[in-house]
Amino acid sequence: MLQGSLFDQAEEIGLGPLTGVRRTVLGDGAWIDVLPGWLRGADELYERLAGSVPWQAERRQMYERVVDVPRLLKFYGAGQELPHPVLGAARDALSAHYSGELGEPFTTAGLCFYRDGRDSVAWHGDRIGRGAREDTMVAIVSVGAPRDLVLRLLGGGGPSVRRALGHGDLIVMGGSCQRTWEHAIPKSTRAAGPRISVQFRPRGVR
């Protein structure tokens, strides 16, 4: 069950300005931008998405056995209607804000539902498609309870970067981040409430 944020009491779901975004340079051409609480009414949006999105449980080959993917998923391709109008507005606002650096719009939206601390995603980069050879961006808006997103240099080694994301927070991973760094949502042994992340990507990046 989601415990609402005391700092997000907005009655209407909407977006703030992107002028407050702050950039952290990671090195090797990679960077992240973070803007806490960009989406107002995030707890209300969480409830709507949790109850209305046709979530899918997937299974994947892992070495010699097939295992459950430890989160629920839903992917919306270019041109597909998103499950709430504010997600379309977010995609358009991000496309406009980053047009000078990205040079193209965000077109797809992948949703992940982390139901509790047992749900997670292992170390990876979004390197299926153009992300394996080109600089690109992945923008993530989180609703629900905060969970740590951790970044490290590809293959480990060196310091890691950790950001707790939830309740309408935005993070954008840009430059070479998908090729030279990797990121994860680790499992949590602490009591962790549910979180939904919405990942906006340009065409040909997964």
C-alpha atoms as a PDB file:
ATOM      1  CA  MET A   1       0.000   0.000   0.000  1.00  0.00           C
ATOM      2  CA  LEU A   2       1.291   3.448  -0.940  1.00  0.00           C
ATOM      3  CA  GLN A   3       1.999   5.917   1.845  1.00  0.00           C
ATOM      4  CA  GLY A   4       1.373   9.339   0.323  1.00  0.00           C
ATOM      5  CA  SER A   5       3.896  12.159   0.371  1.00  0.00           C
ATOM      6  CA  LEU A   6       3.313  15.015   2.814  1.00  0.00           C
ATOM      7  CA  PHE A   7       4.928  17.323   0.245  1.00  0.00           C
ATOM      8  CA  ASP A   8       2.562  16.463  -2.611  1.00  0.00           C
ATOM      9  CA  GLN A   9      -0.955  17.543  -1.685  1.00  0.00           C
ATOM     10  CA  ALA A  10      -1.909  18.838  -5.147  1.00  0.00           C
ATOM     11  CA  GLU A  11      -5.531  18.176  -6.027  1.00  0.00           C
ATOM     12  CA  GLU A  12      -4.846  18.216  -9.768  1.00  0.00           C
ATOM     13  CA  ILE A  13      -2.286  16.177 -11.678  1.00  0.00           C
ATOM     14  CA  GLY A  14       0.110  18.425 -13.592  1.00  0.00           C
ATOM     15  CA  LEU A  15       3.698  19.363 -14.387  1.00  0.00           C
ATOM     16  CA  GLY A  16       5.951  22.071 -13.035  1.00  0.00           C
ATOM     17  CA  PRO A  17       8.559  23.963 -15.057  1.00  0.00           C
ATOM     18  CA  LEU A  18      11.766  22.255 -16.118  1.00  0.00           C
ATOM     19  CA  THR A  19      13.866  25.303 -15.278  1.00  0.00           C
ATOM     20  CA  GLY A  20      14.882  23.826 -11.907  1.00  0.00           C
ATOM     21  CA  VAL A  21      16.558  20.729 -13.328  1.00  0.00           C
ATOM     22  CA  ARG A  22      20.095  20.196 -12.029  1.00  0.00           C
ATOM     23  CA  ARG A  23      22.842  18.380 -13.948  1.00  0.00           C
ATOM     24  CA  THR A  24      25.518  16.098 -12.515  1.00  0.00           C
ATOM     25  CA  VAL A  25      28.424  15.192 -14.799  1.00  0.00           C
ATOM     26  CA  LEU A  26      29.350  11.536 -14.280  1.00  0.00           C
ATOM     27  CA  GLY A  27      32.395  11.341 -16.553  1.00  0.00           C
ATOM     28  CA  ASP A  28      33.211   9.571 -19.819  1.00  0.00           C
ATOM     29  CA  GLY A  29      30.672  11.808 -21.553  1.00  0.00           C
ATOM     30  CA  ALA A  30      27.784  10.731 -19.307  1.00  0.00           C
ATOM     31  CA  TRP A  31      25.519  12.949 -17.204  1.00  0.00           C
ATOM     32  CA  ILE A  32      22.231  12.917 -15.293  1.00  0.00           C
ATOM     33  CA  ASP A  33      19.671  15.667 -14.776  1.00  0.00           C
ATOM     34  CA  VAL A  34      17.431  15.490 -11.684  1.00  0.00           C
ATOM     35  CA  LEU A  35      14.323  17.508 -10.774  1.00  0.00           C
ATOM     36  CA  PRO A  36      12.506  16.440  -7.587  1.00  0.00           C
ATOM     37  CA  GLY A  37       8.712  16.715  -7.590  1.00  0.00           C
ATOM     38  CA  TRP A  38       8.362  17.751 -11.225  1.00  0.00           C
ATOM     39  CA  LEU A  39       4.970  16.041 -11.493  1.00  0.00           C
ATOM     40  CA  ARG A  40       2.320  17.373  -9.097  1.00  0.00           C
ATOM     41  CA  GLY A  41      -0.419  15.062  -7.875  1.00  0.00           C
ATOM     42  CA  ALA A  42       1.958  12.130  -8.284  1.00  0.00           C
ATOM     43  CA  ASP A  43       0.258   9.994  -5.640  1.00  0.00           C
ATOM     44  CA  GLU A  44      -3.079  10.367  -7.425  1.00  0.00           C
ATOM     45  CA  LEU A  45      -1.443   9.463 -10.741  1.00  0.00           C
ATOM     46  CA  TYR A  46       0.130   6.407  -9.110  1.00  0.00           C
ATOM     47  CA  GLU A  47      -3.331   5.191  -8.003  1.00  0.00           C
ATOM     48  CA  ARG A  48      -4.762   5.682 -11.496  1.00  0.00           C
ATOM     49  CA  LEU A  49      -1.899   3.914 -13.254  1.00  0.00           C
ATOM     50  CA  ALA A  50      -1.772   1.043 -10.772  1.00  0.00           C
ATOM     51  CA  GLY A  51      -5.471   0.380 -11.282  1.00  0.00           C
ATOM     52  CA  SER A  52      -5.921   1.028 -15.002  1.00  0.00           C
ATOM     53  CA  VAL A  53      -2.768  -0.028 -16.880  1.00  0.00           C
ATOM     54  CA  PRO A  54      -2.993  -3.589 -18.286  1.00  0.00           C
ATOM     55  CA  TRP A  55       0.151  -4.730 -16.514  1.00  0.00           C
ATOM     56  CA  GLN A  56       2.004  -7.743 -17.877  1.00  0.00           C
ATOM     57  CA  ALA A  57       4.027 -10.296 -15.948  1.00  0.00           C
ATOM     58  CA  GLU A  58       6.884 -11.624 -18.074  1.00  0.00           C
ATOM     59  CA  ARG A  59       9.219 -14.600 -17.845  1.00  0.00           C
ATOM     60  CA  ARG A  60      12.761 -14.666 -19.231  1.00  0.00           C
ATOM     61  CA  GLN A  61      15.499 -17.193 -19.831  1.00  0.00           C
ATOM     62  CA  MET A  62      18.172 -16.888 -17.144  1.00  0.00           C
ATOM     63  CA  TYR A  63      21.059 -19.243 -17.801  1.00  0.00           C
ATOM     64  CA  GLU A  64      19.507 -22.758 -17.683  1.00  0.00           C
ATOM     65  CA  ARG A  65      16.029 -21.869 -16.395  1.00  0.00           C
ATOM     66  CA  VAL A  66      13.105 -19.551 -17.032  1.00  0.00           C
ATOM     67  CA  VAL A  67      12.346 -17.097 -14.230  1.00  0.00           C
ATOM     68  CA  ASP A  68       9.708 -14.468 -13.470  1.00  0.00           C
ATOM     69  CA  VAL A  69      10.716 -10.884 -14.233  1.00  0.00           C
ATOM     70  CA  PRO A  70      10.631  -9.227 -10.771  1.00  0.00           C
ATOM     71  CA  ARG A  71       8.339  -6.331 -11.759  1.00  0.00           C
ATOM     72  CA  LEU A  72       5.262  -5.748 -13.927  1.00  0.00           C
ATOM     73  CA  LEU A  73       5.635  -4.118 -17.332  1.00  0.00           C
ATOM     74  CA  LYS A  74       3.748  -2.262 -20.030  1.00  0.00           C
ATOM     75  CA  PHE A  75       5.244  -0.714 -23.190  1.00  0.00           C
ATOM     76  CA  TYR A  76       3.655   1.997 -25.327  1.00  0.00           C
ATOM     77  CA  GLY A  77       5.161   2.436 -28.769  1.00  0.00           C
ATOM     78  CA  ALA A  78       5.306   5.569 -30.892  1.00  0.00           C
ATOM     79  CA  GLY A  79       1.806   6.812 -31.689  1.00  0.00           C
ATOM     80  CA  GLN A  80       0.054   4.700 -29.042  1.00  0.00           C
ATOM     81  CA  GLU A  81      -2.241   6.496 -26.613  1.00  0.00           C
ATOM     82  CA  LEU A  82      -0.701   6.750 -23.146  1.00  0.00           C
ATOM     83  CA  PRO A  83      -2.729   5.760 -20.077  1.00  0.00           C
ATOM     84  CA  HIS A  84      -3.046   9.339 -18.761  1.00  0.00           C
ATOM     85  CA  PRO A  85      -2.919  12.711 -20.585  1.00  0.00           C
ATOM     86  CA  VAL A  86      -0.217  14.072 -18.262  1.00  0.00           C
ATOM     87  CA  LEU A  87       2.207  11.437 -19.597  1.00  0.00           C
ATOM     88  CA  GLY A  88       1.751  12.790 -23.110  1.00  0.00           C
ATOM     89  CA  ALA A  89       2.281  16.296 -21.775  1.00  0.00           C
ATOM     90  CA  ALA A  90       5.441  15.150 -19.981  1.00  0.00           C
ATOM     91  CA  ARG A  91       6.809  13.521 -23.119  1.00  0.00           C
ATOM     92  CA  ASP A  92       6.143  16.704 -25.140  1.00  0.00           C
ATOM     93  CA  ALA A  93       7.669  18.972 -22.481  1.00  0.00           C
ATOM     94  CA  LEU A  94      10.811  16.832 -22.288  1.00  0.00           C
ATOM     95  CA  SER A  95      11.085  16.720 -26.078  1.00  0.00           C
ATOM     96  CA  ALA A  96      10.911  20.524 -26.235  1.00  0.00           C
ATOM     97  CA  HIS A  97      13.330  21.085 -23.348  1.00  0.00           C
ATOM     98  CA  TYR A  98      16.010  18.709 -24.651  1.00  0.00           C
ATOM     99  CA  SER A  99      15.541  19.339 -28.380  1.00  0.00           C
ATOM    100  CA  GLY A 100      18.821  21.234 -28.675  1.00  0.00           C
ATOM    101  CA  GLU A 101      20.881  18.367 -27.193  1.00  0.00           C
ATOM    102  CA  LEU A 102      18.867  15.337 -28.250  1.00  0.00           C
ATOM    103  CA  GLY A 103      17.922  16.560 -31.715  1.00  0.00           C
ATOM    104  CA  GLU A 104      14.777  14.430 -31.845  1.00  0.00           C
ATOM    105  CA  PRO A 105      11.650  13.843 -29.737  1.00  0.00           C
ATOM    106  CA  PHE A 106      10.954  11.223 -27.129  1.00  0.00           C
ATOM    107  CA  THR A 107       8.510   8.799 -28.752  1.00  0.00           C
ATOM    108  CA  THR A 108       7.971   5.702 -26.571  1.00  0.00           C
ATOM    109  CA  ALA A 109       6.996   5.087 -22.958  1.00  0.00           C
ATOM    110  CA  GLY A 110       7.885   2.007 -20.946  1.00  0.00           C
ATOM    111  CA  LEU A 111       6.175   1.541 -17.579  1.00  0.00           C
ATOM    112  CA  CYS A 112       7.560  -0.588 -14.734  1.00  0.00           C
ATOM    113  CA  PHE A 113       5.588  -1.419 -11.577  1.00  0.00           C
ATOM    114  CA  TYR A 114       7.770  -2.239  -8.557  1.00  0.00           C
ATOM    115  CA  ARG A 115       5.217  -3.675  -6.140  1.00  0.00           C
ATOM    116  CA  ASP A 116       7.494  -3.885  -3.079  1.00  0.00           C
ATOM    117  CA  GLY A 117      11.147  -4.210  -2.109  1.00  0.00           C
ATOM    118  CA  ARG A 118      11.391  -7.653  -3.698  1.00  0.00           C
ATOM    119  CA  ASP A 119      10.834  -6.215  -7.171  1.00  0.00           C
ATOM    120  CA  SER A 120      13.971  -4.919  -8.869  1.00  0.00           C
ATOM    121  CA  VAL A 121      15.955  -4.534 -12.072  1.00  0.00           C
ATOM    122  CA  ALA A 122      19.552  -5.744 -12.413  1.00  0.00           C
ATOM    123  CA  TRP A 123      22.522  -3.738 -13.654  1.00  0.00           C
ATOM    124  CA  HIS A 124      22.051  -2.777 -17.299  1.00  0.00           C
ATOM    125  CA  GLY A 125      22.191  -0.006 -19.874  1.00  0.00           C
ATOM    126  CA  ASP A 126      19.518   0.711 -22.477  1.00  0.00           C
ATOM    127  CA  ARG A 127      21.724  -0.603 -25.250  1.00  0.00           C
ATOM    128  CA  ILE A 128      19.231  -2.437 -27.433  1.00  0.00           C
ATOM    129  CA  GLY A 129      19.207  -0.495 -30.706  1.00  0.00           C
ATOM    130  CA  ARG A 130      20.942   2.837 -31.213  1.00  0.00           C
ATOM    131  CA  GLY A 131      21.825   3.230 -27.536  1.00  0.00           C
ATOM    132  CA  ALA A 132      24.636   0.694 -28.028  1.00  0.00           C
ATOM    133  CA  ARG A 133      26.567   2.983 -30.384  1.00  0.00           C
ATOM    134  CA  GLU A 134      25.163   6.529 -30.070  1.00  0.00           C
ATOM    135  CA  ASP A 135      24.692   9.099 -27.329  1.00  0.00           C
ATOM    136  CA  THR A 136      21.045   9.279 -26.403  1.00  0.00           C
ATOM    137  CA  MET A 137      18.706  10.104 -23.526  1.00  0.00           C
ATOM    138  CA  VAL A 138      16.316   8.200 -21.298  1.00  0.00           C
ATOM    139  CA  ALA A 139      13.978  10.294 -19.141  1.00  0.00           C
ATOM    140  CA  ILE A 140      12.269   8.660 -16.147  1.00  0.00           C
ATOM    141  CA  VAL A 141       9.354  10.032 -14.126  1.00  0.00           C
ATOM    142  CA  SER A 142       8.604   8.152 -10.898  1.00  0.00           C
ATOM    143  CA  VAL A 143       5.325   8.027  -8.977  1.00  0.00           C
ATOM    144  CA  GLY A 144       4.635   6.146  -5.788  1.00  0.00           C
ATOM    145  CA  ALA A 145       7.082   5.447  -2.974  1.00  0.00           C
ATOM    146  CA  PRO A 146      10.762   6.334  -3.479  1.00  0.00           C
ATOM    147  CA  ARG A 147      13.188   3.612  -4.539  1.00  0.00           C
ATOM    148  CA  ASP A 148      16.928   3.968  -5.047  1.00  0.00           C
ATOM    149  CA  LEU A 149      18.243   4.128  -8.596  1.00  0.00           C
ATOM    150  CA  VAL A 150      21.983   3.403  -8.532  1.00  0.00           C
ATOM    151  CA  LEU A 151      24.476   4.168 -11.312  1.00  0.00           C
ATOM    152  CA  ARG A 152      28.049   2.923 -11.727  1.00  0.00           C
ATOM    153  CA  LEU A 153      30.684   2.769 -14.432  1.00  0.00           C
ATOM    154  CA  LEU A 154      30.137  -0.081 -16.872  1.00  0.00           C
ATOM    155  CA  GLY A 155      31.487  -3.279 -15.323  1.00  0.00           C
ATOM    156  CA  GLY A 156      31.773  -1.774 -11.852  1.00  0.00           C
ATOM    157  CA  GLY A 157      34.688  -0.079 -10.203  1.00  0.00           C
ATOM    158  CA  GLY A 158      34.847   3.481  -8.964  1.00  0.00           C
ATOM    159  CA  PRO A 159      32.202   5.288  -6.938  1.00  0.00           C
ATOM    160  CA  SER A 160      28.498   4.778  -7.536  1.00  0.00           C
ATOM    161  CA  VAL A 161      25.769   7.427  -7.701  1.00  0.00           C
ATOM    162  CA  ARG A 162      22.497   6.862  -5.851  1.00  0.00           C
ATOM    163  CA  ARG A 163      19.231   8.770  -6.185  1.00  0.00           C
ATOM    164  CA  ALA A 164      15.976   7.989  -4.352  1.00  0.00           C
ATOM    165  CA  LEU A 165      13.175   8.541  -6.887  1.00  0.00           C
ATOM    166  CA  GLY A 166       9.428   8.681  -6.293  1.00  0.00           C
ATOM    167  CA  HIS A 167       6.490  11.082  -5.763  1.00  0.00           C
ATOM    168  CA  GLY A 168       6.842  12.810  -9.143  1.00  0.00           C
ATOM    169  CA  ASP A 169      10.661  13.011  -9.376  1.00  0.00           C
ATOM    170  CA  LEU A 170      12.381  13.248 -12.771  1.00  0.00           C
ATOM    171  CA  ILE A 171      15.764  11.885 -13.782  1.00  0.00           C
ATOM    172  CA  VAL A 172      17.251  12.116 -17.277  1.00  0.00           C
ATOM    173  CA  MET A 173      20.267   9.993 -18.212  1.00  0.00           C
ATOM    174  CA  GLY A 174      22.085  11.537 -21.133  1.00  0.00           C
ATOM    175  CA  GLY A 175      25.213  11.679 -23.226  1.00  0.00           C
ATOM    176  CA  SER A 176      27.062   8.358 -23.221  1.00  0.00           C
ATOM    177  CA  CYS A 177      25.315   7.196 -20.029  1.00  0.00           C
ATOM    178  CA  GLN A 178      23.718   4.095 -21.564  1.00  0.00           C
ATOM    179  CA  ARG A 179      27.044   2.960 -23.090  1.00  0.00           C
ATOM    180  CA  THR A 180      29.613   3.883 -20.451  1.00  0.00           C
ATOM    181  CA  TRP A 181      27.556   3.545 -17.247  1.00  0.00           C
ATOM    182  CA  GLU A 182      24.914   1.093 -16.058  1.00  0.00           C
ATOM    183  CA  HIS A 183      22.027   1.475 -13.647  1.00  0.00           C
ATOM    184  CA  ALA A 184      19.855  -0.701 -11.410  1.00  0.00           C
ATOM    185  CA  ILE A 185      16.968  -0.672  -8.942  1.00  0.00           C
ATOM    186  CA  PRO A 186      18.294  -3.009  -6.237  1.00  0.00           C
ATOM    187  CA  LYS A 187      16.093  -5.199  -4.089  1.00  0.00           C
ATOM    188  CA  SER A 188      15.414  -3.664  -0.675  1.00  0.00           C
ATOM    189  CA  THR A 189      15.284  -5.466   2.662  1.00  0.00           C
ATOM    190  CA  ARG A 190      13.646  -2.394   4.191  1.00  0.00           C
ATOM    191  CA  ALA A 191       9.898  -1.930   4.008  1.00  0.00           C
ATOM    192  CA  ALA A 192       9.427  -0.422   0.538  1.00  0.00           C
ATOM    193  CA  GLY A 193       6.143   0.850  -0.820  1.00  0.00           C
ATOM    194  CA  PRO A 194       5.053   0.446  -4.451  1.00  0.00           C
ATOM    195  CA  ARG A 195       6.546   2.590  -7.213  1.00  0.00           C
ATOM    196  CA  ILE A 196       5.807   3.057 -10.905  1.00  0.00           C
ATOM    197  CA  SER A 197       8.443   4.439 -13.252  1.00  0.00           C
ATOM    198  CA  VAL A 198       7.690   5.835 -16.706  1.00  0.00           C
ATOM    199  CA  GLN A 199      10.667   5.780 -19.084  1.00  0.00           C
ATOM    200  CA  PHE A 200      10.537   8.018 -22.142  1.00  0.00           C
ATOM    201  CA  ARG A 201      12.936   7.141 -24.976  1.00  0.00           C
ATOM    202  CA  PRO A 202      13.606   8.301 -28.553  1.00  0.00           C
ATOM    203  CA  ARG A 203      12.938   5.978 -31.472  1.00  0.00           C
ATOM    204  CA  GLY A 204      15.108   2.895 -31.707  1.00  0.00           C
ATOM    205  CA  VAL A 205      16.301   2.936 -28.094  1.00  0.00           C
ATOM    206  CA  ARG A 206      15.294   0.203 -25.608  1.00  0.00           C
END
